[in-house]
Amino acid sequence: MALGDTANNICQSLGRGVTRSKRRAIQWTRKAAENGLPQSCLDLAAAMYGDISYAREVGHVEDAVEIATSIGDMEVFHDVPPDVLASVLHWLEKGGHNTNVLDGFRTSVLEGYKYCRNEGCEVVGPLKEFKVCPQCKTARYCGAACQKQDWTTGGHKAKCGTFYTAS
């Protein structure tokens, strides 16, 4: 489940519709993470590690400095600032996740990931190379062909219109 999907599910469950703001989506994810929702903790940690818009600012934890002293060799292996790494570890620990997922975070940042929502697509790359659906702002596609295929046969047309509620 993508970060935007988690935030949208939270907003919908509270009856507030879906936010189009990336900052608001991160804030909702943090609120869910503070309440110990494992998937939100993982999503927030991944967003912070990958430097997704506003994630490092919203997800920063002051008390995580204590964790930073125990990082040791991890700091050398991971190319993120020590305070960010400490906050990422805080959220992983809060969600009950193993620190082994950090290797997956690093791989997706360096080599990319399959972000395209179209199920048949195998394109891998950095998040910034994938275009966002202009209506729901959550689904990502590697190109117009995949977006069109997912819209017509993949079911996004039915899902995209139902995400919004009147506010």
N, C-alpha and C. Protein backbone atom coordinates (compact mmCIF):
# COMPACT_ATOMS: atom_id res chain seq x y z
N MET A 1 0.84 -1.17 0.00
CA MET A 1 0.00 0.00 0.00
C MET A 1 0.89 1.23 0.00
N ALA A 2 0.61 2.18 -0.86
CA ALA A 2 1.42 3.38 -0.97
C ALA A 2 1.06 4.37 0.13
N LEU A 3 1.97 5.29 0.37
CA LEU A 3 1.78 6.28 1.41
C LEU A 3 0.49 7.05 1.20
N GLY A 4 0.21 7.49 -0.01
CA GLY A 4 -1.01 8.23 -0.29
C GLY A 4 -2.24 7.40 0.00
N ASP A 5 -2.20 6.10 -0.29
CA ASP A 5 -3.33 5.22 -0.02
C ASP A 5 -3.62 5.15 1.46
N THR A 6 -2.59 5.04 2.29
CA THR A 6 -2.77 4.98 3.74
C THR A 6 -3.41 6.26 4.24
N ALA A 7 -2.89 7.40 3.82
CA ALA A 7 -3.43 8.69 4.25
C ALA A 7 -4.87 8.85 3.77
N ASN A 8 -5.16 8.43 2.55
CA ASN A 8 -6.53 8.53 2.03
C ASN A 8 -7.48 7.65 2.82
N ASN A 9 -7.05 6.45 3.19
CA ASN A 9 -7.90 5.57 3.99
C ASN A 9 -8.20 6.19 5.34
N ILE A 10 -7.22 6.83 5.95
CA ILE A 10 -7.42 7.49 7.24
C ILE A 10 -8.43 8.62 7.10
N CYS A 11 -8.25 9.46 6.08
CA CYS A 11 -9.16 10.58 5.86
C CYS A 11 -10.58 10.09 5.63
N GLN A 12 -10.74 9.05 4.81
CA GLN A 12 -12.07 8.53 4.51
C GLN A 12 -12.72 7.95 5.76
N SER A 13 -11.95 7.26 6.58
CA SER A 13 -12.53 6.65 7.77
C SER A 13 -12.99 7.71 8.77
N LEU A 14 -12.41 8.88 8.71
CA LEU A 14 -12.82 9.97 9.59
C LEU A 14 -13.93 10.81 8.96
N GLY A 15 -14.34 10.46 7.74
CA GLY A 15 -15.42 11.17 7.08
C GLY A 15 -15.02 12.54 6.55
N ARG A 16 -13.76 12.72 6.27
CA ARG A 16 -13.28 14.02 5.83
C ARG A 16 -12.90 14.04 4.35
N GLY A 17 -13.29 13.04 3.60
CA GLY A 17 -12.89 13.00 2.21
C GLY A 17 -11.42 12.65 2.09
N VAL A 18 -10.82 13.00 0.99
CA VAL A 18 -9.42 12.69 0.76
C VAL A 18 -8.65 13.98 0.54
N THR A 19 -7.50 14.06 1.15
CA THR A 19 -6.69 15.25 0.99
C THR A 19 -5.91 15.21 -0.31
N ARG A 20 -5.77 16.34 -0.95
CA ARG A 20 -4.94 16.44 -2.15
C ARG A 20 -3.57 17.00 -1.80
N SER A 21 -3.40 17.41 -0.57
CA SER A 21 -2.15 18.00 -0.14
C SER A 21 -1.18 16.91 0.32
N LYS A 22 0.03 16.92 -0.23
CA LYS A 22 1.03 15.94 0.17
C LYS A 22 1.43 16.14 1.63
N ARG A 23 1.52 17.39 2.04
CA ARG A 23 1.86 17.68 3.44
C ARG A 23 0.78 17.11 4.36
N ARG A 24 -0.49 17.32 4.02
CA ARG A 24 -1.59 16.79 4.85
C ARG A 24 -1.56 15.27 4.89
N ALA A 25 -1.26 14.66 3.74
CA ALA A 25 -1.19 13.20 3.69
C ALA A 25 -0.11 12.68 4.63
N ILE A 26 1.04 13.34 4.64
CA ILE A 26 2.12 12.94 5.55
C ILE A 26 1.70 13.16 7.00
N GLN A 27 1.01 14.28 7.26
CA GLN A 27 0.56 14.56 8.63
C GLN A 27 -0.43 13.50 9.13
N TRP A 28 -1.34 13.08 8.25
CA TRP A 28 -2.30 12.03 8.62
C TRP A 28 -1.57 10.71 8.86
N THR A 29 -0.57 10.44 8.05
CA THR A 29 0.19 9.21 8.23
C THR A 29 0.93 9.25 9.56
N ARG A 30 1.46 10.42 9.92
CA ARG A 30 2.16 10.52 11.21
C ARG A 30 1.18 10.30 12.37
N LYS A 31 -0.03 10.88 12.26
CA LYS A 31 -1.02 10.68 13.32
C LYS A 31 -1.33 9.21 13.51
N ALA A 32 -1.48 8.50 12.40
CA ALA A 32 -1.75 7.07 12.49
C ALA A 32 -0.55 6.33 13.07
N ALA A 33 0.66 6.77 12.69
CA ALA A 33 1.88 6.14 13.21
C ALA A 33 2.02 6.39 14.71
N GLU A 34 1.66 7.58 15.17
CA GLU A 34 1.72 7.88 16.60
C GLU A 34 0.80 6.96 17.39
N ASN A 35 -0.29 6.54 16.75
CA ASN A 35 -1.22 5.62 17.40
C ASN A 35 -0.79 4.17 17.24
N GLY A 36 0.37 3.95 16.65
CA GLY A 36 0.95 2.61 16.56
C GLY A 36 0.47 1.77 15.40
N LEU A 37 -0.19 2.35 14.39
CA LEU A 37 -0.63 1.58 13.23
C LEU A 37 0.62 1.14 12.46
N PRO A 38 0.91 -0.17 12.43
CA PRO A 38 2.16 -0.67 11.84
C PRO A 38 2.41 -0.22 10.40
N GLN A 39 1.39 -0.26 9.55
CA GLN A 39 1.58 0.12 8.15
C GLN A 39 1.93 1.60 8.04
N SER A 40 1.31 2.44 8.85
CA SER A 40 1.61 3.87 8.81
C SER A 40 3.02 4.15 9.31
N CYS A 41 3.45 3.42 10.33
CA CYS A 41 4.83 3.56 10.82
C CYS A 41 5.81 3.22 9.72
N LEU A 42 5.54 2.15 9.00
CA LEU A 42 6.41 1.72 7.90
C LEU A 42 6.38 2.74 6.77
N ASP A 43 5.18 3.23 6.42
CA ASP A 43 5.05 4.21 5.34
C ASP A 43 5.78 5.50 5.68
N LEU A 44 5.65 5.97 6.91
CA LEU A 44 6.31 7.21 7.32
C LEU A 44 7.83 7.04 7.31
N ALA A 45 8.31 5.92 7.80
CA ALA A 45 9.75 5.65 7.79
C ALA A 45 10.28 5.60 6.37
N ALA A 46 9.55 4.94 5.47
CA ALA A 46 9.98 4.85 4.07
C ALA A 46 9.98 6.22 3.41
N ALA A 47 8.96 7.02 3.69
CA ALA A 47 8.88 8.36 3.11
C ALA A 47 10.02 9.25 3.60
N MET A 48 10.35 9.12 4.88
CA MET A 48 11.45 9.91 5.43
C MET A 48 12.78 9.48 4.83
N TYR A 49 12.98 8.19 4.73
CA TYR A 49 14.23 7.67 4.18
C TYR A 49 14.38 8.09 2.73
N GLY A 50 13.29 8.03 1.98
CA GLY A 50 13.32 8.39 0.56
C GLY A 50 13.22 9.87 0.28
N ASP A 51 13.10 10.68 1.32
CA ASP A 51 13.02 12.14 1.22
C ASP A 51 11.84 12.59 0.36
N ILE A 52 10.69 11.96 0.57
CA ILE A 52 9.46 12.38 -0.09
C ILE A 52 9.05 13.72 0.52
N SER A 53 8.44 14.59 -0.28
CA SER A 53 8.09 15.94 0.15
C SER A 53 7.55 16.00 1.57
N TYR A 54 8.13 16.85 2.37
CA TYR A 54 7.71 17.17 3.73
C TYR A 54 7.88 16.04 4.74
N ALA A 55 8.22 14.84 4.31
CA ALA A 55 8.25 13.70 5.23
C ALA A 55 9.27 13.88 6.35
N ARG A 56 10.45 14.36 6.01
CA ARG A 56 11.48 14.52 7.04
C ARG A 56 11.10 15.60 8.04
N GLU A 57 10.42 16.62 7.58
CA GLU A 57 9.98 17.68 8.49
C GLU A 57 8.85 17.19 9.40
N VAL A 58 7.84 16.57 8.82
CA VAL A 58 6.68 16.11 9.59
C VAL A 58 7.00 14.92 10.47
N GLY A 59 7.86 14.03 10.00
CA GLY A 59 8.15 12.81 10.74
C GLY A 59 9.27 12.91 11.76
N HIS A 60 9.92 14.07 11.84
CA HIS A 60 11.06 14.23 12.75
C HIS A 60 10.63 13.99 14.20
N VAL A 61 11.46 13.27 14.93
CA VAL A 61 11.19 12.96 16.33
C VAL A 61 12.36 13.49 17.16
N GLU A 62 12.08 14.41 18.08
CA GLU A 62 13.13 14.99 18.93
C GLU A 62 13.79 13.93 19.80
N ASP A 63 12.99 13.05 20.38
CA ASP A 63 13.52 12.03 21.30
C ASP A 63 14.36 10.97 20.59
N ALA A 64 14.35 10.99 19.28
CA ALA A 64 15.09 9.97 18.53
C ALA A 64 16.59 10.17 18.61
N VAL A 65 17.03 11.29 19.19
CA VAL A 65 18.46 11.55 19.32
C VAL A 65 19.11 10.46 20.16
N GLU A 66 18.39 9.93 21.13
CA GLU A 66 18.91 8.85 21.96
C GLU A 66 19.19 7.60 21.11
N ILE A 67 18.35 7.37 20.13
CA ILE A 67 18.54 6.23 19.22
C ILE A 67 19.78 6.47 18.38
N ALA A 68 20.04 7.73 18.03
CA ALA A 68 21.17 8.07 17.16
C ALA A 68 22.50 7.61 17.74
N THR A 69 22.61 7.60 19.05
CA THR A 69 23.87 7.17 19.66
C THR A 69 24.10 5.67 19.49
N SER A 70 23.02 4.89 19.30
CA SER A 70 23.16 3.45 19.14
C SER A 70 23.22 3.01 17.68
N ILE A 71 23.20 3.96 16.76
CA ILE A 71 23.21 3.63 15.33
C ILE A 71 24.54 3.02 14.92
N GLY A 72 25.64 3.62 15.34
CA GLY A 72 26.97 3.08 15.07
C GLY A 72 27.28 2.95 13.59
N ASP A 73 27.57 1.74 13.13
CA ASP A 73 27.97 1.47 11.75
C ASP A 73 26.84 1.70 10.74
N MET A 74 25.60 1.69 11.20
CA MET A 74 24.48 1.88 10.27
C MET A 74 24.58 3.24 9.59
N GLU A 75 25.09 4.23 10.32
CA GLU A 75 25.19 5.58 9.78
C GLU A 75 26.11 5.63 8.56
N VAL A 76 27.16 4.85 8.58
CA VAL A 76 28.11 4.82 7.46
C VAL A 76 27.47 4.17 6.24
N PHE A 77 26.69 3.12 6.46
CA PHE A 77 26.10 2.36 5.36
C PHE A 77 24.94 3.10 4.70
N HIS A 78 24.18 3.85 5.48
CA HIS A 78 23.00 4.55 4.95
C HIS A 78 23.32 6.01 4.69
N ASP A 79 22.94 6.47 3.51
CA ASP A 79 23.30 7.82 3.06
C ASP A 79 22.26 8.87 3.46
N VAL A 80 21.75 8.79 4.67
CA VAL A 80 20.82 9.80 5.16
C VAL A 80 21.42 10.44 6.41
N PRO A 81 21.05 11.68 6.71
CA PRO A 81 21.59 12.34 7.91
C PRO A 81 21.27 11.53 9.17
N PRO A 82 22.14 11.58 10.18
CA PRO A 82 21.94 10.79 11.40
C PRO A 82 20.61 11.05 12.11
N ASP A 83 20.14 12.32 12.13
CA ASP A 83 18.87 12.61 12.79
C ASP A 83 17.70 11.99 12.03
N VAL A 84 17.79 11.96 10.71
CA VAL A 84 16.74 11.32 9.89
C VAL A 84 16.76 9.81 10.12
N LEU A 85 17.94 9.22 10.12
CA LEU A 85 18.06 7.79 10.35
C LEU A 85 17.52 7.41 11.73
N ALA A 86 17.79 8.26 12.72
CA ALA A 86 17.28 8.01 14.07
C ALA A 86 15.75 8.05 14.10
N SER A 87 15.16 9.03 13.40
CA SER A 87 13.70 9.12 13.35
C SER A 87 13.10 7.94 12.60
N VAL A 88 13.75 7.53 11.52
CA VAL A 88 13.29 6.36 10.75
C VAL A 88 13.29 5.13 11.65
N LEU A 89 14.37 4.94 12.41
CA LEU A 89 14.44 3.80 13.32
C LEU A 89 13.38 3.89 14.41
N HIS A 90 13.09 5.10 14.87
CA HIS A 90 12.03 5.28 15.87
C HIS A 90 10.69 4.77 15.34
N TRP A 91 10.34 5.18 14.11
CA TRP A 91 9.04 4.78 13.55
C TRP A 91 9.00 3.28 13.25
N LEU A 92 10.11 2.73 12.82
CA LEU A 92 10.14 1.28 12.59
C LEU A 92 9.94 0.52 13.89
N GLU A 93 10.62 0.97 14.94
CA GLU A 93 10.48 0.32 16.25
C GLU A 93 9.06 0.46 16.78
N LYS A 94 8.47 1.64 16.62
CA LYS A 94 7.11 1.88 17.11
C LYS A 94 6.11 0.97 16.40
N GLY A 95 6.34 0.71 15.11
CA GLY A 95 5.45 -0.15 14.34
C GLY A 95 5.76 -1.63 14.48
N GLY A 96 6.81 -1.96 15.24
CA GLY A 96 7.16 -3.36 15.44
C GLY A 96 7.89 -3.98 14.26
N HIS A 97 8.53 -3.14 13.46
CA HIS A 97 9.24 -3.62 12.28
C HIS A 97 10.71 -3.84 12.57
N ASN A 98 11.30 -4.76 11.85
CA ASN A 98 12.71 -5.09 11.98
C ASN A 98 13.54 -4.06 11.21
N THR A 99 14.74 -3.79 11.69
CA THR A 99 15.60 -2.82 11.00
C THR A 99 16.12 -3.35 9.67
N ASN A 100 15.87 -4.61 9.36
CA ASN A 100 16.29 -5.16 8.06
C ASN A 100 15.61 -4.47 6.90
N VAL A 101 14.46 -3.83 7.13
CA VAL A 101 13.76 -3.14 6.04
C VAL A 101 14.55 -1.93 5.55
N LEU A 102 15.51 -1.46 6.35
CA LEU A 102 16.34 -0.33 5.91
C LEU A 102 17.08 -0.66 4.63
N ASP A 103 17.49 -1.90 4.47
CA ASP A 103 18.18 -2.30 3.24
C ASP A 103 17.25 -2.15 2.03
N GLY A 104 15.97 -2.49 2.23
CA GLY A 104 14.99 -2.32 1.16
C GLY A 104 14.76 -0.85 0.84
N PHE A 105 14.72 -0.01 1.87
CA PHE A 105 14.58 1.43 1.66
C PHE A 105 15.75 1.96 0.83
N ARG A 106 16.95 1.54 1.22
CA ARG A 106 18.15 2.02 0.53
C ARG A 106 18.15 1.56 -0.93
N THR A 107 17.79 0.32 -1.16
CA THR A 107 17.75 -0.21 -2.52
C THR A 107 16.75 0.56 -3.37
N SER A 108 15.56 0.83 -2.82
CA SER A 108 14.54 1.55 -3.61
C SER A 108 14.97 2.98 -3.89
N VAL A 109 15.74 3.59 -2.99
CA VAL A 109 16.23 4.94 -3.23
C VAL A 109 17.33 4.93 -4.31
N LEU A 110 18.25 3.99 -4.21
CA LEU A 110 19.38 3.95 -5.14
C LEU A 110 19.02 3.38 -6.51
N GLU A 111 18.26 2.30 -6.53
CA GLU A 111 17.97 1.61 -7.79
C GLU A 111 16.57 1.87 -8.32
N GLY A 112 15.69 2.35 -7.48
CA GLY A 112 14.32 2.57 -7.89
C GLY A 112 13.43 1.43 -7.45
N TYR A 113 12.16 1.53 -7.80
CA TYR A 113 11.16 0.57 -7.38
C TYR A 113 10.07 0.54 -8.44
N LYS A 114 9.23 -0.47 -8.40
CA LYS A 114 8.12 -0.57 -9.34
C LYS A 114 6.95 0.25 -8.79
N TYR A 115 6.90 1.52 -9.14
CA TYR A 115 5.86 2.42 -8.64
C TYR A 115 4.63 2.47 -9.53
N CYS A 116 4.73 1.97 -10.74
CA CYS A 116 3.62 2.05 -11.69
C CYS A 116 2.44 1.23 -11.18
N ARG A 117 1.25 1.84 -11.12
CA ARG A 117 0.05 1.19 -10.60
C ARG A 117 -0.49 0.13 -11.56
N ASN A 118 -0.12 0.21 -12.84
CA ASN A 118 -0.58 -0.76 -13.82
C ASN A 118 0.04 -2.12 -13.51
N GLU A 119 -0.79 -3.11 -13.25
CA GLU A 119 -0.32 -4.43 -12.80
C GLU A 119 0.63 -5.12 -13.77
N GLY A 120 0.45 -4.95 -15.06
CA GLY A 120 1.28 -5.63 -16.04
C GLY A 120 2.62 -4.98 -16.28
N CYS A 121 2.83 -3.80 -15.73
CA CYS A 121 4.06 -3.05 -15.98
C CYS A 121 5.19 -3.53 -15.07
N GLU A 122 6.39 -3.59 -15.63
CA GLU A 122 7.57 -4.02 -14.87
C GLU A 122 8.62 -2.92 -14.80
N VAL A 123 8.28 -1.68 -15.16
CA VAL A 123 9.23 -0.58 -15.16
C VAL A 123 9.64 -0.26 -13.73
N VAL A 124 10.95 -0.12 -13.52
CA VAL A 124 11.51 0.21 -12.22
C VAL A 124 12.29 1.51 -12.35
N GLY A 125 12.15 2.38 -11.36
CA GLY A 125 12.90 3.63 -11.38
C GLY A 125 12.62 4.46 -10.15
N PRO A 126 13.23 5.63 -10.05
CA PRO A 126 13.00 6.51 -8.91
C PRO A 126 11.58 7.06 -8.92
N LEU A 127 11.06 7.35 -7.76
CA LEU A 127 9.69 7.83 -7.60
C LEU A 127 9.40 9.05 -8.45
N LYS A 128 10.36 9.95 -8.55
CA LYS A 128 10.15 11.21 -9.26
C LYS A 128 9.92 11.02 -10.76
N GLU A 129 10.29 9.88 -11.31
CA GLU A 129 10.11 9.64 -12.74
C GLU A 129 8.70 9.18 -13.09
N PHE A 130 7.89 8.85 -12.09
CA PHE A 130 6.54 8.35 -12.33
C PHE A 130 5.53 9.48 -12.16
N LYS A 131 4.66 9.62 -13.15
CA LYS A 131 3.65 10.68 -13.15
C LYS A 131 2.46 10.28 -12.29
N VAL A 132 1.85 11.26 -11.65
CA VAL A 132 0.73 11.04 -10.74
C VAL A 132 -0.58 11.28 -11.48
N CYS A 133 -1.60 10.47 -11.18
CA CYS A 133 -2.93 10.66 -11.75
C CYS A 133 -3.41 12.07 -11.38
N PRO A 134 -3.82 12.88 -12.36
CA PRO A 134 -4.19 14.26 -12.06
C PRO A 134 -5.47 14.39 -11.23
N GLN A 135 -6.30 13.35 -11.20
CA GLN A 135 -7.54 13.45 -10.45
C GLN A 135 -7.38 13.03 -8.99
N CYS A 136 -6.89 11.83 -8.73
CA CYS A 136 -6.82 11.35 -7.34
C CYS A 136 -5.49 11.68 -6.67
N LYS A 137 -4.47 12.00 -7.44
CA LYS A 137 -3.15 12.38 -6.93
C LYS A 137 -2.44 11.27 -6.15
N THR A 138 -2.88 10.02 -6.29
CA THR A 138 -2.23 8.92 -5.57
C THR A 138 -1.65 7.87 -6.50
N ALA A 139 -2.36 7.52 -7.56
CA ALA A 139 -1.88 6.49 -8.48
C ALA A 139 -0.73 7.04 -9.31
N ARG A 140 0.32 6.24 -9.49
CA ARG A 140 1.49 6.66 -10.27
C ARG A 140 1.65 5.74 -11.47
N TYR A 141 2.14 6.33 -12.57
CA TYR A 141 2.32 5.58 -13.81
C TYR A 141 3.64 5.97 -14.47
N CYS A 142 4.24 4.98 -15.18
CA CYS A 142 5.51 5.24 -15.87
C CYS A 142 5.28 6.03 -17.15
N GLY A 143 4.09 6.00 -17.69
CA GLY A 143 3.80 6.72 -18.92
C GLY A 143 2.31 6.72 -19.24
N ALA A 144 1.98 7.40 -20.32
CA ALA A 144 0.58 7.55 -20.71
C ALA A 144 -0.07 6.21 -21.09
N ALA A 145 0.70 5.32 -21.71
CA ALA A 145 0.14 4.03 -22.12
C ALA A 145 -0.31 3.20 -20.91
N CYS A 146 0.52 3.17 -19.86
CA CYS A 146 0.14 2.42 -18.66
C CYS A 146 -1.04 3.07 -17.95
N GLN A 147 -1.06 4.39 -17.93
CA GLN A 147 -2.17 5.09 -17.29
C GLN A 147 -3.48 4.80 -18.02
N LYS A 148 -3.44 4.82 -19.35
CA LYS A 148 -4.64 4.55 -20.15
C LYS A 148 -5.10 3.10 -19.95
N GLN A 149 -4.15 2.16 -19.94
CA GLN A 149 -4.52 0.76 -19.77
C GLN A 149 -5.14 0.53 -18.39
N ASP A 150 -4.55 1.11 -17.35
CA ASP A 150 -5.09 0.94 -16.00
C ASP A 150 -6.45 1.62 -15.87
N TRP A 151 -6.65 2.71 -16.58
CA TRP A 151 -7.93 3.42 -16.54
C TRP A 151 -9.04 2.60 -17.20
N THR A 152 -8.71 1.98 -18.33
CA THR A 152 -9.74 1.25 -19.07
C THR A 152 -9.93 -0.19 -18.59
N THR A 153 -8.84 -0.92 -18.34
CA THR A 153 -8.98 -2.34 -17.98
C THR A 153 -8.51 -2.68 -16.58
N GLY A 154 -7.77 -1.81 -15.96
CA GLY A 154 -7.18 -2.10 -14.64
C GLY A 154 -8.05 -1.73 -13.46
N GLY A 155 -9.13 -1.01 -13.70
CA GLY A 155 -10.05 -0.68 -12.62
C GLY A 155 -9.82 0.66 -11.95
N HIS A 156 -8.85 1.45 -12.42
CA HIS A 156 -8.60 2.72 -11.76
C HIS A 156 -9.75 3.70 -12.00
N LYS A 157 -10.43 3.60 -13.13
CA LYS A 157 -11.54 4.50 -13.44
C LYS A 157 -12.62 4.39 -12.36
N ALA A 158 -12.92 3.18 -11.94
CA ALA A 158 -13.95 2.97 -10.91
C ALA A 158 -13.48 3.46 -9.54
N LYS A 159 -12.21 3.24 -9.22
CA LYS A 159 -11.67 3.63 -7.92
C LYS A 159 -11.44 5.13 -7.81
N CYS A 160 -10.93 5.72 -8.87
CA CYS A 160 -10.52 7.12 -8.86
C CYS A 160 -11.70 8.04 -8.54
N GLY A 161 -12.82 7.83 -9.16
CA GLY A 161 -13.98 8.69 -8.92
C GLY A 161 -14.61 8.52 -7.55
N THR A 162 -14.41 7.38 -6.91
CA THR A 162 -15.05 7.13 -5.62
C THR A 162 -14.21 7.62 -4.45
N PHE A 163 -12.97 8.06 -4.69
CA PHE A 163 -12.11 8.51 -3.61
C PHE A 163 -12.57 9.81 -2.98
N TYR A 164 -13.30 10.62 -3.72
CA TYR A 164 -13.63 11.95 -3.25
C TYR A 164 -15.03 12.02 -2.66
N THR A 165 -15.14 12.71 -1.56
CA THR A 165 -16.44 13.00 -0.97
C THR A 165 -16.56 14.50 -0.87
N ALA A 166 -17.76 15.00 -0.88
CA ALA A 166 -17.97 16.44 -0.80
C ALA A 166 -17.49 16.96 0.54
N SER A 167 -16.78 18.10 0.48
CA SER A 167 -16.33 18.68 1.74
C SER A 167 -16.88 20.07 1.93
